[in-house]
Amino acid sequence: MAIKSINVGIMSREEFMQRTISIAKGEYKPEKDEPKIWFESLQSFAQVLSDDNRFLLRVIEEKNPKSLRELGTLTGRNKSNLSRTLHTMASYGIIDLVKHHAREVMPMVKANHFNLEVCV
């Protein structure tokens, strides 16, 4: 399994909003190696990367399922729950959901190694 590393950070919603405004105004330019993905709390980070979800990432990488139905069969997870989890992971840039055939969506792992930065 090749390491696909991504920088993530923990920052309060207020700090994130202020940072976004500063970037938009040109007052702050993010460094190249700064996190691109931010979580509001360690709890939200832990929920998205729970043991079950990390297992899901491993299955996607190792088995390359061609659909959510196939992934559900491989993991024993219900398709609607799986879909919700995968869409959350996609919103954080951890996976891609690629249209495959007419109505099938194929999950692809974008990140399997996470470098965590916590702002206090």
C-alpha atoms as a PDB file:
ATOM      1  CA  MET A   1       0.000   0.000   0.000  1.00  0.00           C
ATOM      2  CA  ALA A   2       1.540   3.276  -1.128  1.00  0.00           C
ATOM      3  CA  ILE A   3       1.472   6.124   1.373  1.00  0.00           C
ATOM      4  CA  LYS A   4      -0.760   8.975   0.252  1.00  0.00           C
ATOM      5  CA  SER A   5      -0.114  11.638   2.830  1.00  0.00           C
ATOM      6  CA  ILE A   6      -2.297  14.652   3.581  1.00  0.00           C
ATOM      7  CA  ASN A   7      -1.899  17.486   6.081  1.00  0.00           C
ATOM      8  CA  VAL A   8      -4.947  18.131   8.237  1.00  0.00           C
ATOM      9  CA  GLY A   9      -5.496  20.570  11.054  1.00  0.00           C
ATOM     10  CA  ILE A  10      -7.693  21.238  14.053  1.00  0.00           C
ATOM     11  CA  MET A  11      -8.937  24.803  14.393  1.00  0.00           C
ATOM     12  CA  SER A  12     -12.053  26.301  15.964  1.00  0.00           C
ATOM     13  CA  ARG A  13     -14.803  27.485  13.644  1.00  0.00           C
ATOM     14  CA  GLU A  14     -14.187  31.101  14.673  1.00  0.00           C
ATOM     15  CA  GLU A  15     -10.458  30.873  13.951  1.00  0.00           C
ATOM     16  CA  PHE A  16     -11.139  29.140  10.641  1.00  0.00           C
ATOM     17  CA  MET A  17     -13.592  31.868   9.599  1.00  0.00           C
ATOM     18  CA  GLN A  18     -11.065  34.587  10.532  1.00  0.00           C
ATOM     19  CA  ARG A  19      -8.325  32.760   8.621  1.00  0.00           C
ATOM     20  CA  THR A  20     -10.563  32.434   5.550  1.00  0.00           C
ATOM     21  CA  ILE A  21     -11.396  36.153   5.636  1.00  0.00           C
ATOM     22  CA  SER A  22      -7.702  37.048   5.981  1.00  0.00           C
ATOM     23  CA  ILE A  23      -6.862  34.861   2.978  1.00  0.00           C
ATOM     24  CA  ALA A  24      -9.689  36.389   0.918  1.00  0.00           C
ATOM     25  CA  LYS A  25      -8.498  39.925   1.774  1.00  0.00           C
ATOM     26  CA  GLY A  26      -4.938  39.019   0.811  1.00  0.00           C
ATOM     27  CA  GLU A  27      -3.724  39.653   4.360  1.00  0.00           C
ATOM     28  CA  TYR A  28      -2.540  36.081   4.790  1.00  0.00           C
ATOM     29  CA  LYS A  29      -1.050  33.632   2.323  1.00  0.00           C
ATOM     30  CA  PRO A  30      -1.025  29.996   3.489  1.00  0.00           C
ATOM     31  CA  GLU A  31       2.315  28.201   3.369  1.00  0.00           C
ATOM     32  CA  LYS A  32       2.651  25.358   0.870  1.00  0.00           C
ATOM     33  CA  ASP A  33       2.817  22.672   3.585  1.00  0.00           C
ATOM     34  CA  GLU A  34      -0.057  24.020   5.723  1.00  0.00           C
ATOM     35  CA  PRO A  35      -3.134  21.843   6.089  1.00  0.00           C
ATOM     36  CA  LYS A  36      -5.698  22.168   3.322  1.00  0.00           C
ATOM     37  CA  ILE A  37      -8.286  20.306   5.360  1.00  0.00           C
ATOM     38  CA  TRP A  38      -9.434  21.564   8.737  1.00  0.00           C
ATOM     39  CA  PHE A  39     -11.537  19.889  11.403  1.00  0.00           C
ATOM     40  CA  GLU A  40     -13.341  21.875  14.067  1.00  0.00           C
ATOM     41  CA  SER A  41     -12.292  19.562  16.885  1.00  0.00           C
ATOM     42  CA  LEU A  42     -10.340  16.444  17.722  1.00  0.00           C
ATOM     43  CA  GLN A  43     -13.748  14.785  18.170  1.00  0.00           C
ATOM     44  CA  SER A  44     -14.805  15.492  14.592  1.00  0.00           C
ATOM     45  CA  PHE A  45     -11.400  14.297  13.332  1.00  0.00           C
ATOM     46  CA  ALA A  46     -11.773  11.108  15.391  1.00  0.00           C
ATOM     47  CA  GLN A  47     -15.303  10.507  14.069  1.00  0.00           C
ATOM     48  CA  VAL A  48     -14.285  10.823  10.422  1.00  0.00           C
ATOM     49  CA  LEU A  49     -11.213   8.624  10.964  1.00  0.00           C
ATOM     50  CA  SER A  50     -12.769   6.136  13.369  1.00  0.00           C
ATOM     51  CA  ASP A  51     -11.549   2.528  13.455  1.00  0.00           C
ATOM     52  CA  ASP A  52     -14.468   1.496  11.214  1.00  0.00           C
ATOM     53  CA  ASN A  53     -13.731   4.233   8.681  1.00  0.00           C
ATOM     54  CA  ARG A  54     -10.005   3.480   8.582  1.00  0.00           C
ATOM     55  CA  PHE A  55     -10.932  -0.166   7.943  1.00  0.00           C
ATOM     56  CA  LEU A  56     -13.167   1.079   5.123  1.00  0.00           C
ATOM     57  CA  LEU A  57     -10.221   2.972   3.591  1.00  0.00           C
ATOM     58  CA  ARG A  58      -8.054  -0.168   3.760  1.00  0.00           C
ATOM     59  CA  VAL A  59     -10.740  -2.270   2.049  1.00  0.00           C
ATOM     60  CA  ILE A  60     -11.155   0.328  -0.710  1.00  0.00           C
ATOM     61  CA  GLU A  61      -7.394   0.398  -1.301  1.00  0.00           C
ATOM     62  CA  GLU A  62      -6.842  -3.338  -1.157  1.00  0.00           C
ATOM     63  CA  LYS A  63      -9.964  -4.596  -2.978  1.00  0.00           C
ATOM     64  CA  ASN A  64     -10.701  -1.708  -5.377  1.00  0.00           C
ATOM     65  CA  PRO A  65     -14.494  -2.110  -5.297  1.00  0.00           C
ATOM     66  CA  LYS A  66     -16.221  -0.861  -8.449  1.00  0.00           C
ATOM     67  CA  SER A  67     -19.407   0.227  -6.653  1.00  0.00           C
ATOM     68  CA  LEU A  68     -20.906   1.056  -3.256  1.00  0.00           C
ATOM     69  CA  ARG A  69     -22.852  -2.194  -3.445  1.00  0.00           C
ATOM     70  CA  GLU A  70     -19.612  -4.170  -3.838  1.00  0.00           C
ATOM     71  CA  LEU A  71     -18.006  -2.205  -0.990  1.00  0.00           C
ATOM     72  CA  GLY A  72     -21.058  -2.913   1.170  1.00  0.00           C
ATOM     73  CA  THR A  73     -20.712  -6.625   0.479  1.00  0.00           C
ATOM     74  CA  LEU A  74     -16.998  -6.545   1.319  1.00  0.00           C
ATOM     75  CA  THR A  75     -17.512  -4.643   4.584  1.00  0.00           C
ATOM     76  CA  GLY A  76     -20.956  -5.784   5.698  1.00  0.00           C
ATOM     77  CA  ARG A  77     -22.131  -2.175   5.853  1.00  0.00           C
ATOM     78  CA  ASN A  78     -25.536  -1.026   4.657  1.00  0.00           C
ATOM     79  CA  LYS A  79     -25.427   0.996   1.416  1.00  0.00           C
ATOM     80  CA  SER A  80     -27.176   4.139   2.758  1.00  0.00           C
ATOM     81  CA  ASN A  81     -24.904   4.313   5.825  1.00  0.00           C
ATOM     82  CA  LEU A  82     -21.906   3.642   3.617  1.00  0.00           C
ATOM     83  CA  SER A  83     -22.942   6.364   1.173  1.00  0.00           C
ATOM     84  CA  ARG A  84     -23.275   8.938   3.964  1.00  0.00           C
ATOM     85  CA  THR A  85     -19.862   8.004   5.399  1.00  0.00           C
ATOM     86  CA  LEU A  86     -18.161   8.123   2.002  1.00  0.00           C
ATOM     87  CA  HIS A  87     -19.704  11.494   1.142  1.00  0.00           C
ATOM     88  CA  THR A  88     -18.403  12.876   4.447  1.00  0.00           C
ATOM     89  CA  MET A  89     -14.935  11.503   3.708  1.00  0.00           C
ATOM     90  CA  ALA A  90     -15.108  12.943   0.179  1.00  0.00           C
ATOM     91  CA  SER A  91     -16.032  16.376   1.567  1.00  0.00           C
ATOM     92  CA  TYR A  92     -12.782  16.294   3.568  1.00  0.00           C
ATOM     93  CA  GLY A  93     -10.743  15.205   0.529  1.00  0.00           C
ATOM     94  CA  ILE A  94      -9.926  11.771   1.940  1.00  0.00           C
ATOM     95  CA  ILE A  95     -11.556   9.869  -0.930  1.00  0.00           C
ATOM     96  CA  ASP A  96     -12.958  10.535  -4.390  1.00  0.00           C
ATOM     97  CA  LEU A  97     -16.300   9.204  -5.535  1.00  0.00           C
ATOM     98  CA  VAL A  98     -15.866   8.595  -9.237  1.00  0.00           C
ATOM     99  CA  LYS A  99     -18.864   8.091 -11.534  1.00  0.00           C
ATOM    100  CA  HIS A 100     -18.482   4.649 -13.033  1.00  0.00           C
ATOM    101  CA  HIS A 101     -20.914   3.350 -15.645  1.00  0.00           C
ATOM    102  CA  ALA A 102     -24.471   4.676 -15.674  1.00  0.00           C
ATOM    103  CA  ARG A 103     -25.346   5.047 -12.003  1.00  0.00           C
ATOM    104  CA  GLU A 104     -22.485   3.434 -10.155  1.00  0.00           C
ATOM    105  CA  VAL A 105     -20.041   5.358  -7.995  1.00  0.00           C
ATOM    106  CA  MET A 106     -16.572   3.953  -7.413  1.00  0.00           C
ATOM    107  CA  PRO A 107     -14.726   5.029  -4.241  1.00  0.00           C
ATOM    108  CA  MET A 108     -11.010   5.801  -4.560  1.00  0.00           C
ATOM    109  CA  VAL A 109      -8.674   6.613  -1.666  1.00  0.00           C
ATOM    110  CA  LYS A 110      -6.869   9.950  -1.922  1.00  0.00           C
ATOM    111  CA  ALA A 111      -5.239   9.843   1.529  1.00  0.00           C
ATOM    112  CA  ASN A 112      -4.251   7.027   3.868  1.00  0.00           C
ATOM    113  CA  HIS A 113      -1.678   8.816   6.019  1.00  0.00           C
ATOM    114  CA  PHE A 114      -2.574  11.921   8.020  1.00  0.00           C
ATOM    115  CA  ASN A 115      -0.223  14.534   9.427  1.00  0.00           C
ATOM    116  CA  LEU A 116      -2.146  16.369  12.134  1.00  0.00           C
ATOM    117  CA  GLU A 117      -1.565  20.011  13.104  1.00  0.00           C
ATOM    118  CA  VAL A 118      -3.427  21.301  16.144  1.00  0.00           C
ATOM    119  CA  CYS A 119      -3.807  25.029  16.730  1.00  0.00           C
ATOM    120  CA  VAL A 120      -4.305  26.110  20.349  1.00  0.00           C
END
